[in-house]
Amino acid sequence: QVQLVETGGGLVEAGESLRLSCVVAGQDITSNNLAWFRQAPGKEREFVAAIGWAAAITSYADSVKGRVTLPRGNAKNTVYLQMNSLSPEDTAVYYCTLSRHYWGQGTQVTVSS
């Protein structure tokens, strides 16, 4: 059974940073594509960033490019989303997905002005 669990969300002030984590159980992430999406209140879920692990290819939404990265970490089967210079427009529930087939439950990020 494949499960994804996101952590690291919280309440921060504008300009601060957060690192979200997504732990994947039940499947090896190194043979998959992983992505982060977010959904703000009253809005559709939107793409944030993605990584093709085998090819080490990353892509980012224009709205976060230059502020968001997907750093590699030491924890096995874990993908990170490093977000810097956060603004209130980044307030949303952030989800990670494995090949856009399996989804986590999301973690809330709230940025105050």
C-alpha atoms as a PDB file:
ATOM      1  CA  GLN A   1       0.000   0.000   0.000  1.00  0.00           C
ATOM      2  CA  VAL A   2       1.401   3.359  -1.029  1.00  0.00           C
ATOM      3  CA  GLN A   3       1.117   6.201   1.456  1.00  0.00           C
ATOM      4  CA  LEU A   4       2.388   9.764   1.382  1.00  0.00           C
ATOM      5  CA  VAL A   5       2.596  11.924   4.488  1.00  0.00           C
ATOM      6  CA  GLU A   6       3.389  15.622   4.331  1.00  0.00           C
ATOM      7  CA  THR A   7       4.721  17.562   7.302  1.00  0.00           C
ATOM      8  CA  GLY A   8       6.352  20.904   7.941  1.00  0.00           C
ATOM      9  CA  GLY A   9       3.502  23.297   7.378  1.00  0.00           C
ATOM     10  CA  GLY A  10       2.669  26.050   9.800  1.00  0.00           C
ATOM     11  CA  LEU A  11       2.081  29.743  10.349  1.00  0.00           C
ATOM     12  CA  VAL A  12       4.879  32.068   9.310  1.00  0.00           C
ATOM     13  CA  GLU A  13       5.275  35.748   8.562  1.00  0.00           C
ATOM     14  CA  ALA A  14       5.823  37.156   5.107  1.00  0.00           C
ATOM     15  CA  GLY A  15       9.439  36.852   4.051  1.00  0.00           C
ATOM     16  CA  GLU A  16      10.146  33.779   6.120  1.00  0.00           C
ATOM     17  CA  SER A  17      10.921  30.264   4.918  1.00  0.00           C
ATOM     18  CA  LEU A  18       9.498  26.799   5.368  1.00  0.00           C
ATOM     19  CA  ARG A  19      10.658  23.340   4.391  1.00  0.00           C
ATOM     20  CA  LEU A  20       7.952  20.796   3.748  1.00  0.00           C
ATOM     21  CA  SER A  21       8.647  17.074   3.818  1.00  0.00           C
ATOM     22  CA  CYS A  22       6.852  14.228   2.137  1.00  0.00           C
ATOM     23  CA  VAL A  23       7.596  10.694   3.259  1.00  0.00           C
ATOM     24  CA  VAL A  24       6.599   7.984   0.821  1.00  0.00           C
ATOM     25  CA  ALA A  25       5.904   4.456   1.990  1.00  0.00           C
ATOM     26  CA  GLY A  26       5.273   1.467  -0.182  1.00  0.00           C
ATOM     27  CA  GLN A  27       7.131   2.532  -3.302  1.00  0.00           C
ATOM     28  CA  ASP A  28      10.650   3.598  -4.183  1.00  0.00           C
ATOM     29  CA  ILE A  29      10.648   7.268  -5.117  1.00  0.00           C
ATOM     30  CA  THR A  30      13.833   6.970  -7.140  1.00  0.00           C
ATOM     31  CA  SER A  31      11.905   5.273  -9.929  1.00  0.00           C
ATOM     32  CA  ASN A  32       9.032   7.741  -9.942  1.00  0.00           C
ATOM     33  CA  ASN A  33       8.129  11.334 -10.523  1.00  0.00           C
ATOM     34  CA  LEU A  34       7.058  13.368  -7.530  1.00  0.00           C
ATOM     35  CA  ALA A  35       5.303  16.682  -7.453  1.00  0.00           C
ATOM     36  CA  TRP A  36       3.957  19.267  -5.063  1.00  0.00           C
ATOM     37  CA  PHE A  37       0.602  20.940  -5.582  1.00  0.00           C
ATOM     38  CA  ARG A  38      -1.252  23.455  -3.473  1.00  0.00           C
ATOM     39  CA  GLN A  39      -4.824  24.527  -3.020  1.00  0.00           C
ATOM     40  CA  ALA A  40      -5.825  27.862  -1.579  1.00  0.00           C
ATOM     41  CA  PRO A  41      -9.323  28.458  -0.179  1.00  0.00           C
ATOM     42  CA  GLY A  42     -11.833  28.861  -2.968  1.00  0.00           C
ATOM     43  CA  LYS A  43      -9.286  28.039  -5.665  1.00  0.00           C
ATOM     44  CA  GLU A  44      -8.417  25.004  -7.730  1.00  0.00           C
ATOM     45  CA  ARG A  45      -5.447  22.847  -6.906  1.00  0.00           C
ATOM     46  CA  GLU A  46      -2.381  24.123  -8.740  1.00  0.00           C
ATOM     47  CA  PHE A  47       1.028  22.767  -9.601  1.00  0.00           C
ATOM     48  CA  VAL A  48       3.997  24.012  -7.570  1.00  0.00           C
ATOM     49  CA  ALA A  49       7.049  21.885  -8.374  1.00  0.00           C
ATOM     50  CA  ALA A  50       8.061  18.465  -9.617  1.00  0.00           C
ATOM     51  CA  ILE A  51      11.080  16.228  -9.804  1.00  0.00           C
ATOM     52  CA  GLY A  52      11.819  13.316 -12.099  1.00  0.00           C
ATOM     53  CA  TRP A  53      14.070  11.456  -9.759  1.00  0.00           C
ATOM     54  CA  ALA A  54      15.876   9.196 -12.166  1.00  0.00           C
ATOM     55  CA  ALA A  55      16.763  11.992 -14.558  1.00  0.00           C
ATOM     56  CA  ALA A  56      17.192  14.608 -11.825  1.00  0.00           C
ATOM     57  CA  ILE A  57      14.944  16.954 -13.761  1.00  0.00           C
ATOM     58  CA  THR A  58      12.990  19.569 -11.832  1.00  0.00           C
ATOM     59  CA  SER A  59      10.315  21.998 -12.879  1.00  0.00           C
ATOM     60  CA  TYR A  60       8.630  24.854 -11.074  1.00  0.00           C
ATOM     61  CA  ALA A  61       5.518  26.939 -11.500  1.00  0.00           C
ATOM     62  CA  ASP A  62       6.195  30.497 -12.603  1.00  0.00           C
ATOM     63  CA  SER A  63       4.574  31.761  -9.412  1.00  0.00           C
ATOM     64  CA  VAL A  64       7.267  30.154  -7.236  1.00  0.00           C
ATOM     65  CA  LYS A  65      10.284  30.033  -9.539  1.00  0.00           C
ATOM     66  CA  GLY A  66      13.331  31.479  -7.822  1.00  0.00           C
ATOM     67  CA  ARG A  67      11.796  31.057  -4.362  1.00  0.00           C
ATOM     68  CA  VAL A  68      11.233  27.316  -4.222  1.00  0.00           C
ATOM     69  CA  THR A  69      13.610  24.396  -4.563  1.00  0.00           C
ATOM     70  CA  LEU A  70      13.503  20.627  -4.208  1.00  0.00           C
ATOM     71  CA  PRO A  71      16.579  19.858  -2.149  1.00  0.00           C
ATOM     72  CA  ARG A  72      17.879  16.344  -1.780  1.00  0.00           C
ATOM     73  CA  GLY A  73      18.048  15.105   1.755  1.00  0.00           C
ATOM     74  CA  ASN A  74      19.439  12.159   3.603  1.00  0.00           C
ATOM     75  CA  ALA A  75      16.163  10.614   4.678  1.00  0.00           C
ATOM     76  CA  LYS A  76      15.175   7.679   2.560  1.00  0.00           C
ATOM     77  CA  ASN A  77      12.094   7.980   0.387  1.00  0.00           C
ATOM     78  CA  THR A  78      11.568  11.590   1.393  1.00  0.00           C
ATOM     79  CA  VAL A  79      11.090  14.562  -0.857  1.00  0.00           C
ATOM     80  CA  TYR A  80      11.377  18.142   0.346  1.00  0.00           C
ATOM     81  CA  LEU A  81       9.957  21.474  -0.755  1.00  0.00           C
ATOM     82  CA  GLN A  82      12.053  24.431   0.391  1.00  0.00           C
ATOM     83  CA  MET A  83      10.081  27.656   0.183  1.00  0.00           C
ATOM     84  CA  ASN A  84      11.729  31.028   0.734  1.00  0.00           C
ATOM     85  CA  SER A  85      10.487  34.605   0.734  1.00  0.00           C
ATOM     86  CA  LEU A  86       6.968  33.453   1.479  1.00  0.00           C
ATOM     87  CA  SER A  87       4.066  35.801   0.891  1.00  0.00           C
ATOM     88  CA  PRO A  88       0.382  35.652   1.887  1.00  0.00           C
ATOM     89  CA  GLU A  89      -0.337  34.459  -1.669  1.00  0.00           C
ATOM     90  CA  ASP A  90       1.460  31.226  -0.785  1.00  0.00           C
ATOM     91  CA  THR A  91      -1.143  30.389   1.843  1.00  0.00           C
ATOM     92  CA  ALA A  92      -2.636  27.035   0.901  1.00  0.00           C
ATOM     93  CA  VAL A  93      -2.763  23.351   1.710  1.00  0.00           C
ATOM     94  CA  TYR A  94       0.271  21.738   0.124  1.00  0.00           C
ATOM     95  CA  TYR A  95       0.078  18.203  -1.231  1.00  0.00           C
ATOM     96  CA  CYS A  96       2.715  15.861  -2.538  1.00  0.00           C
ATOM     97  CA  THR A  97       1.900  13.299  -5.157  1.00  0.00           C
ATOM     98  CA  LEU A  98       3.631  10.242  -6.558  1.00  0.00           C
ATOM     99  CA  SER A  99       3.243  10.185 -10.305  1.00  0.00           C
ATOM    100  CA  ARG A 100       0.029  12.157  -9.789  1.00  0.00           C
ATOM    101  CA  HIS A 101      -1.613   8.876  -8.854  1.00  0.00           C
ATOM    102  CA  TYR A 102      -1.055   8.725  -5.105  1.00  0.00           C
ATOM    103  CA  TRP A 103      -1.631  11.781  -2.937  1.00  0.00           C
ATOM    104  CA  GLY A 104      -0.909  12.762   0.633  1.00  0.00           C
ATOM    105  CA  GLN A 105      -3.405  14.341   2.985  1.00  0.00           C
ATOM    106  CA  GLY A 106      -1.780  17.766   2.742  1.00  0.00           C
ATOM    107  CA  THR A 107      -0.156  20.185   5.147  1.00  0.00           C
ATOM    108  CA  GLN A 108      -1.400  23.708   5.815  1.00  0.00           C
ATOM    109  CA  VAL A 109       0.868  26.665   5.134  1.00  0.00           C
ATOM    110  CA  THR A 110      -0.341  30.045   6.317  1.00  0.00           C
ATOM    111  CA  VAL A 111       1.634  33.208   5.670  1.00  0.00           C
ATOM    112  CA  SER A 112       0.668  36.345   7.534  1.00  0.00           C
ATOM    113  CA  SER A 113       1.356  39.826   6.207  1.00  0.00           C
END
